[in-house]
Amino acid sequence: RIVSIEGGLRPALERLEREHGIRRIASI
């Protein structure tokens, strides 16, 4: 799935939480 980050990472990650239940992310 493609998610735009044109508005920044925060809105994109909020969308992942809202639509896909992704709350805890390990960034490497």
PDB file of all heavy atoms in Angstrom:
ATOM      1  N   ARG A   1       0.846  -1.193   0.000  1.00  0.00           N
ATOM      2  CA  ARG A   1       0.000   0.000   0.000  1.00  0.00           C
ATOM      3  C   ARG A   1       0.882   1.244   0.000  1.00  0.00           C
ATOM      4  O   ARG A   1       1.930   1.262   0.637  1.00  0.00           O
ATOM      5  CB  ARG A   1      -0.915  -0.004   1.214  1.00  0.00           C
ATOM      6  CG  ARG A   1      -1.928  -1.131   1.170  1.00  0.00           C
ATOM      7  CD  ARG A   1      -2.610  -1.287   2.509  1.00  0.00           C
ATOM      8  NE  ARG A   1      -3.479  -2.443   2.540  1.00  0.00           N
ATOM      9  CZ  ARG A   1      -3.091  -3.663   2.902  1.00  0.00           C
ATOM     10  NH1 ARG A   1      -1.851  -3.889   3.255  1.00  0.00           N
ATOM     11  NH2 ARG A   1      -3.951  -4.659   2.923  1.00  0.00           N
ATOM     12  N   ILE A   2       0.418   2.256  -0.691  1.00  0.00           N
ATOM     13  CA  ILE A   2       1.167   3.510  -0.796  1.00  0.00           C
ATOM     14  C   ILE A   2       0.456   4.574   0.033  1.00  0.00           C
ATOM     15  O   ILE A   2      -0.760   4.735  -0.064  1.00  0.00           O
ATOM     16  CB  ILE A   2       1.270   3.966  -2.265  1.00  0.00           C
ATOM     17  CG1 ILE A   2       1.991   2.898  -3.092  1.00  0.00           C
ATOM     18  CG2 ILE A   2       1.988   5.298  -2.359  1.00  0.00           C
ATOM     19  CD1 ILE A   2       1.965   3.163  -4.575  1.00  0.00           C
ATOM     20  N   VAL A   3       1.226   5.294   0.834  1.00  0.00           N
ATOM     21  CA  VAL A   3       0.691   6.362   1.678  1.00  0.00           C
ATOM     22  C   VAL A   3       1.547   7.609   1.453  1.00  0.00           C
ATOM     23  O   VAL A   3       2.761   7.574   1.602  1.00  0.00           O
ATOM     24  CB  VAL A   3       0.722   5.957   3.174  1.00  0.00           C
ATOM     25  CG1 VAL A   3       0.205   7.080   4.047  1.00  0.00           C
ATOM     26  CG2 VAL A   3      -0.063   4.670   3.400  1.00  0.00           C
ATOM     27  N   SER A   4       0.895   8.694   1.117  1.00  0.00           N
ATOM     28  CA  SER A   4       1.609   9.949   0.871  1.00  0.00           C
ATOM     29  C   SER A   4       2.126  10.554   2.173  1.00  0.00           C
ATOM     30  O   SER A   4       1.462  10.509   3.202  1.00  0.00           O
ATOM     31  CB  SER A   4       0.676  10.952   0.198  1.00  0.00           C
ATOM     32  OG  SER A   4       1.291  12.220   0.118  1.00  0.00           O
ATOM     33  N   ILE A   5       3.329  11.132   2.086  1.00  0.00           N
ATOM     34  CA  ILE A   5       3.878  11.866   3.234  1.00  0.00           C
ATOM     35  C   ILE A   5       3.965  13.356   2.922  1.00  0.00           C
ATOM     36  O   ILE A   5       4.725  14.080   3.553  1.00  0.00           O
ATOM     37  CB  ILE A   5       5.257  11.318   3.665  1.00  0.00           C
ATOM     38  CG1 ILE A   5       6.253  11.333   2.511  1.00  0.00           C
ATOM     39  CG2 ILE A   5       5.116   9.946   4.276  1.00  0.00           C
ATOM     40  CD1 ILE A   5       7.684  11.028   2.918  1.00  0.00           C
ATOM     41  N   GLU A   6       3.184  13.784   1.954  1.00  0.00           N
ATOM     42  CA  GLU A   6       3.216  15.202   1.573  1.00  0.00           C
ATOM     43  C   GLU A   6       2.875  16.114   2.749  1.00  0.00           C
ATOM     44  O   GLU A   6       3.388  17.212   2.842  1.00  0.00           O
ATOM     45  CB  GLU A   6       2.290  15.463   0.385  1.00  0.00           C
ATOM     46  CG  GLU A   6       2.808  14.894  -0.923  1.00  0.00           C
ATOM     47  CD  GLU A   6       4.178  15.431  -1.324  1.00  0.00           C
ATOM     48  OE1 GLU A   6       4.384  16.662  -1.316  1.00  0.00           O
ATOM     49  OE2 GLU A   6       5.055  14.605  -1.648  1.00  0.00           O
ATOM     50  N   GLY A   7       2.034  15.672   3.670  1.00  0.00           N
ATOM     51  CA  GLY A   7       1.700  16.476   4.842  1.00  0.00           C
ATOM     52  C   GLY A   7       2.610  16.205   6.023  1.00  0.00           C
ATOM     53  O   GLY A   7       2.385  16.713   7.121  1.00  0.00           O
ATOM     54  N   GLY A   8       3.633  15.369   5.832  1.00  0.00           N
ATOM     55  CA  GLY A   8       4.542  14.992   6.908  1.00  0.00           C
ATOM     56  C   GLY A   8       4.338  13.537   7.303  1.00  0.00           C
ATOM     57  O   GLY A   8       3.390  12.883   6.874  1.00  0.00           O
ATOM     58  N   LEU A   9       5.245  13.057   8.129  1.00  0.00           N
ATOM     59  CA  LEU A   9       5.141  11.672   8.586  1.00  0.00           C
ATOM     60  C   LEU A   9       4.003  11.467   9.586  1.00  0.00           C
ATOM     61  O   LEU A   9       3.373  10.415   9.607  1.00  0.00           O
ATOM     62  CB  LEU A   9       6.460  11.220   9.212  1.00  0.00           C
ATOM     63  CG  LEU A   9       7.564  10.844   8.242  1.00  0.00           C
ATOM     64  CD1 LEU A   9       8.867  10.580   8.986  1.00  0.00           C
ATOM     65  CD2 LEU A   9       7.181   9.636   7.412  1.00  0.00           C
ATOM     66  N   ARG A  10       3.739  12.461  10.418  1.00  0.00           N
ATOM     67  CA  ARG A  10       2.702  12.295  11.442  1.00  0.00           C
ATOM     68  C   ARG A  10       1.345  11.924  10.845  1.00  0.00           C
ATOM     69  O   ARG A  10       0.736  10.926  11.258  1.00  0.00           O
ATOM     70  CB  ARG A  10       2.586  13.543  12.322  1.00  0.00           C
ATOM     71  CG  ARG A  10       1.527  13.386  13.418  1.00  0.00           C
ATOM     72  CD  ARG A  10       1.483  14.574  14.355  1.00  0.00           C
ATOM     73  NE  ARG A  10       2.704  14.726  15.121  1.00  0.00           N
ATOM     74  CZ  ARG A  10       3.008  14.029  16.215  1.00  0.00           C
ATOM     75  NH1 ARG A  10       2.173  13.122  16.667  1.00  0.00           N
ATOM     76  NH2 ARG A  10       4.135  14.238  16.855  1.00  0.00           N
ATOM     77  N   PRO A  11       0.823  12.664   9.855  1.00  0.00           N
ATOM     78  CA  PRO A  11      -0.478  12.267   9.292  1.00  0.00           C
ATOM     79  C   PRO A  11      -0.439  10.886   8.632  1.00  0.00           C
ATOM     80  O   PRO A  11      -1.410  10.130   8.707  1.00  0.00           O
ATOM     81  CB  PRO A  11      -0.796  13.346   8.266  1.00  0.00           C
ATOM     82  CG  PRO A  11       0.150  14.458   8.509  1.00  0.00           C
ATOM     83  CD  PRO A  11       1.291  13.923   9.300  1.00  0.00           C
ATOM     84  N   ALA A  12       0.679  10.549   7.999  1.00  0.00           N
ATOM     85  CA  ALA A  12       0.800   9.232   7.368  1.00  0.00           C
ATOM     86  C   ALA A  12       0.756   8.124   8.417  1.00  0.00           C
ATOM     87  O   ALA A  12       0.064   7.115   8.247  1.00  0.00           O
ATOM     88  CB  ALA A  12       2.090   9.155   6.555  1.00  0.00           C
ATOM     89  N   LEU A  13       1.477   8.319   9.526  1.00  0.00           N
ATOM     90  CA  LEU A  13       1.479   7.311  10.579  1.00  0.00           C
ATOM     91  C   LEU A  13       0.139   7.248  11.307  1.00  0.00           C
ATOM     92  O   LEU A  13      -0.300   6.171  11.719  1.00  0.00           O
ATOM     93  CB  LEU A  13       2.628   7.574  11.553  1.00  0.00           C
ATOM     94  CG  LEU A  13       4.023   7.419  10.936  1.00  0.00           C
ATOM     95  CD1 LEU A  13       5.102   7.808  11.943  1.00  0.00           C
ATOM     96  CD2 LEU A  13       4.248   6.015  10.405  1.00  0.00           C
ATOM     97  N   GLU A  14      -0.527   8.383  11.451  1.00  0.00           N
ATOM     98  CA  GLU A  14      -1.868   8.381  12.041  1.00  0.00           C
ATOM     99  C   GLU A  14      -2.839   7.593  11.161  1.00  0.00           C
ATOM    100  O   GLU A  14      -3.705   6.877  11.658  1.00  0.00           O
ATOM    101  CB  GLU A  14      -2.359   9.811  12.248  1.00  0.00           C
ATOM    102  CG  GLU A  14      -1.651  10.512  13.396  1.00  0.00           C
ATOM    103  CD  GLU A  14      -1.964  12.002  13.496  1.00  0.00           C
ATOM    104  OE1 GLU A  14      -2.575  12.579  12.553  1.00  0.00           O
ATOM    105  OE2 GLU A  14      -1.587  12.599  14.519  1.00  0.00           O
ATOM    106  N   ARG A  15      -2.664   7.704   9.858  1.00  0.00           N
ATOM    107  CA  ARG A  15      -3.499   6.938   8.924  1.00  0.00           C
ATOM    108  C   ARG A  15      -3.234   5.436   9.081  1.00  0.00           C
ATOM    109  O   ARG A  15      -4.170   4.631   9.077  1.00  0.00           O
ATOM    110  CB  ARG A  15      -3.223   7.382   7.490  1.00  0.00           C
ATOM    111  CG  ARG A  15      -4.031   6.628   6.472  1.00  0.00           C
ATOM    112  CD  ARG A  15      -3.798   7.143   5.076  1.00  0.00           C
ATOM    113  NE  ARG A  15      -4.407   6.235   4.130  1.00  0.00           N
ATOM    114  CZ  ARG A  15      -4.160   6.248   2.840  1.00  0.00           C
ATOM    115  NH1 ARG A  15      -3.328   7.143   2.326  1.00  0.00           N
ATOM    116  NH2 ARG A  15      -4.744   5.375   2.054  1.00  0.00           N
ATOM    117  N   LEU A  16      -1.954   5.047   9.220  1.00  0.00           N
ATOM    118  CA  LEU A  16      -1.641   3.636   9.416  1.00  0.00           C
ATOM    119  C   LEU A  16      -2.267   3.104  10.705  1.00  0.00           C
ATOM    120  O   LEU A  16      -2.747   1.971  10.750  1.00  0.00           O
ATOM    121  CB  LEU A  16      -0.127   3.412   9.441  1.00  0.00           C
ATOM    122  CG  LEU A  16       0.619   3.612   8.131  1.00  0.00           C
ATOM    123  CD1 LEU A  16       2.092   3.259   8.305  1.00  0.00           C
ATOM    124  CD2 LEU A  16       0.004   2.813   7.009  1.00  0.00           C
ATOM    125  N   GLU A  17      -2.273   3.920  11.731  1.00  0.00           N
ATOM    126  CA  GLU A  17      -2.900   3.493  12.982  1.00  0.00           C
ATOM    127  C   GLU A  17      -4.410   3.356  12.812  1.00  0.00           C
ATOM    128  O   GLU A  17      -5.007   2.342  13.185  1.00  0.00           O
ATOM    129  CB  GLU A  17      -2.597   4.475  14.112  1.00  0.00           C
ATOM    130  CG  GLU A  17      -3.237   4.053  15.420  1.00  0.00           C
ATOM    131  CD  GLU A  17      -2.928   4.986  16.575  1.00  0.00           C
ATOM    132  OE1 GLU A  17      -2.364   6.072  16.365  1.00  0.00           O
ATOM    133  OE2 GLU A  17      -3.264   4.607  17.718  1.00  0.00           O
ATOM    134  N   ARG A  18      -5.007   4.351  12.227  1.00  0.00           N
ATOM    135  CA  ARG A  18      -6.460   4.384  12.065  1.00  0.00           C
ATOM    136  C   ARG A  18      -6.957   3.258  11.140  1.00  0.00           C
ATOM    137  O   ARG A  18      -7.920   2.569  11.459  1.00  0.00           O
ATOM    138  CB  ARG A  18      -6.862   5.753  11.527  1.00  0.00           C
ATOM    139  CG  ARG A  18      -8.330   6.028  11.431  1.00  0.00           C
ATOM    140  CD  ARG A  18      -8.638   7.463  10.993  1.00  0.00           C
ATOM    141  NE  ARG A  18      -8.044   7.802   9.708  1.00  0.00           N
ATOM    142  CZ  ARG A  18      -6.979   8.608   9.543  1.00  0.00           C
ATOM    143  NH1 ARG A  18      -6.399   9.162  10.587  1.00  0.00           N
ATOM    144  NH2 ARG A  18      -6.504   8.874   8.341  1.00  0.00           N
ATOM    145  N   GLU A  19      -6.290   3.065  10.018  1.00  0.00           N
ATOM    146  CA  GLU A  19      -6.784   2.129   9.007  1.00  0.00           C
ATOM    147  C   GLU A  19      -6.233   0.711   9.132  1.00  0.00           C
ATOM    148  O   GLU A  19      -6.847  -0.234   8.648  1.00  0.00           O
ATOM    149  CB  GLU A  19      -6.472   2.664   7.609  1.00  0.00           C
ATOM    150  CG  GLU A  19      -7.209   3.951   7.297  1.00  0.00           C
ATOM    151  CD  GLU A  19      -6.854   4.530   5.929  1.00  0.00           C
ATOM    152  OE1 GLU A  19      -6.196   3.843   5.122  1.00  0.00           O
ATOM    153  OE2 GLU A  19      -7.250   5.692   5.678  1.00  0.00           O
ATOM    154  N   HIS A  20      -5.070   0.560   9.793  1.00  0.00           N
ATOM    155  CA  HIS A  20      -4.430  -0.748   9.825  1.00  0.00           C
ATOM    156  C   HIS A  20      -4.012  -1.191  11.227  1.00  0.00           C
ATOM    157  O   HIS A  20      -3.390  -2.240  11.380  1.00  0.00           O
ATOM    158  CB  HIS A  20      -3.213  -0.752   8.892  1.00  0.00           C
ATOM    159  CG  HIS A  20      -3.567  -0.382   7.493  1.00  0.00           C
ATOM    160  ND1 HIS A  20      -4.178  -1.267   6.623  1.00  0.00           N
ATOM    161  CD2 HIS A  20      -3.453   0.778   6.821  1.00  0.00           C
ATOM    162  CE1 HIS A  20      -4.395  -0.658   5.464  1.00  0.00           C
ATOM    163  NE2 HIS A  20      -3.958   0.587   5.562  1.00  0.00           N
ATOM    164  N   GLY A  21      -4.309  -0.396  12.237  1.00  0.00           N
ATOM    165  CA  GLY A  21      -4.000  -0.773  13.609  1.00  0.00           C
ATOM    166  C   GLY A  21      -2.523  -0.754  13.955  1.00  0.00           C
ATOM    167  O   GLY A  21      -2.116  -1.358  14.943  1.00  0.00           O
ATOM    168  N   ILE A  22      -1.718  -0.054  13.182  1.00  0.00           N
ATOM    169  CA  ILE A  22      -0.282   0.006  13.443  1.00  0.00           C
ATOM    170  C   ILE A  22      -0.012   1.128  14.436  1.00  0.00           C
ATOM    171  O   ILE A  22      -0.126   2.302  14.105  1.00  0.00           O
ATOM    172  CB  ILE A  22       0.514   0.194  12.134  1.00  0.00           C
ATOM    173  CG1 ILE A  22       0.320  -1.043  11.266  1.00  0.00           C
ATOM    174  CG2 ILE A  22       1.990   0.442  12.432  1.00  0.00           C
ATOM    175  CD1 ILE A  22       0.959  -0.970   9.919  1.00  0.00           C
ATOM    176  N   ARG A  23       0.320   0.745  15.669  1.00  0.00           N
ATOM    177  CA  ARG A  23       0.553   1.721  16.736  1.00  0.00           C
ATOM    178  C   ARG A  23       2.008   1.775  17.170  1.00  0.00           C
ATOM    179  O   ARG A  23       2.526   2.814  17.503  1.00  0.00           O
ATOM    180  CB  ARG A  23      -0.308   1.358  17.954  1.00  0.00           C
ATOM    181  CG  ARG A  23      -1.781   1.465  17.718  1.00  0.00           C
ATOM    182  CD  ARG A  23      -2.630   1.069  18.929  1.00  0.00           C
ATOM    183  NE  ARG A  23      -2.003   1.398  20.196  1.00  0.00           N
ATOM    184  CZ  ARG A  23      -1.604   0.478  21.092  1.00  0.00           C
ATOM    185  NH1 ARG A  23      -1.735  -0.798  20.848  1.00  0.00           N
ATOM    186  NH2 ARG A  23      -1.066   0.851  22.232  1.00  0.00           N
ATOM    187  N   ARG A  24       2.660   0.628  17.217  1.00  0.00           N
ATOM    188  CA  ARG A  24       4.032   0.558  17.722  1.00  0.00           C
ATOM    189  C   ARG A  24       4.960   0.209  16.558  1.00  0.00           C
ATOM    190  O   ARG A  24       4.836  -0.847  15.961  1.00  0.00           O
ATOM    191  CB  ARG A  24       4.128  -0.502  18.812  1.00  0.00           C
ATOM    192  CG  ARG A  24       5.480  -0.541  19.482  1.00  0.00           C
ATOM    193  CD  ARG A  24       5.500  -1.509  20.654  1.00  0.00           C
ATOM    194  NE  ARG A  24       4.600  -1.027  21.699  1.00  0.00           N
ATOM    195  CZ  ARG A  24       3.687  -1.776  22.296  1.00  0.00           C
ATOM    196  NH1 ARG A  24       3.547  -3.029  21.973  1.00  0.00           N
ATOM    197  NH2 ARG A  24       2.913  -1.276  23.234  1.00  0.00           N
ATOM    198  N   ILE A  25       5.886   1.121  16.268  1.00  0.00           N
ATOM    199  CA  ILE A  25       6.783   0.955  15.126  1.00  0.00           C
ATOM    200  C   ILE A  25       8.225   1.008  15.599  1.00  0.00           C
ATOM    201  O   ILE A  25       8.611   1.913  16.336  1.00  0.00           O
ATOM    202  CB  ILE A  25       6.541   2.075  14.085  1.00  0.00           C
ATOM    203  CG1 ILE A  25       5.108   2.009  13.553  1.00  0.00           C
ATOM    204  CG2 ILE A  25       7.543   1.968  12.941  1.00  0.00           C
ATOM    205  CD1 ILE A  25       4.712   3.206  12.703  1.00  0.00           C
ATOM    206  N   ALA A  26       9.011   0.050  15.140  1.00  0.00           N
ATOM    207  CA  ALA A  26      10.457   0.071  15.363  1.00  0.00           C
ATOM    208  C   ALA A  26      11.074   0.633  14.085  1.00  0.00           C
ATOM    209  O   ALA A  26      10.897   0.082  13.009  1.00  0.00           O
ATOM    210  CB  ALA A  26      10.986  -1.329  15.638  1.00  0.00           C
ATOM    211  N   SER A  27      11.758   1.746  14.206  1.00  0.00           N
ATOM    212  CA  SER A  27      12.405   2.366  13.048  1.00  0.00           C
ATOM    213  C   SER A  27      13.892   2.083  13.122  1.00  0.00           C
ATOM    214  O   SER A  27      14.523   2.302  14.151  1.00  0.00           O
ATOM    215  CB  SER A  27      12.147   3.877  13.055  1.00  0.00           C
ATOM    216  OG  SER A  27      12.773   4.479  11.948  1.00  0.00           O
ATOM    217  N   ILE A  28      14.450   1.598  12.021  1.00  0.00           N
ATOM    218  CA  ILE A  28      15.862   1.219  12.027  1.00  0.00           C
ATOM    219  C   ILE A  28      16.607   1.918  10.905  1.00  0.00           C
ATOM    220  O   ILE A  28      16.041   2.214   9.854  1.00  0.00           O
ATOM    221  CB  ILE A  28      16.042  -0.297  11.910  1.00  0.00           C
ATOM    222  CG1 ILE A  28      15.476  -0.794  10.590  1.00  0.00           C
ATOM    223  CG2 ILE A  28      15.368  -1.009  13.052  1.00  0.00           C
ATOM    224  CD1 ILE A  28      15.895  -2.177  10.245  1.00  0.00           C
TER     225      ILE A  28
END
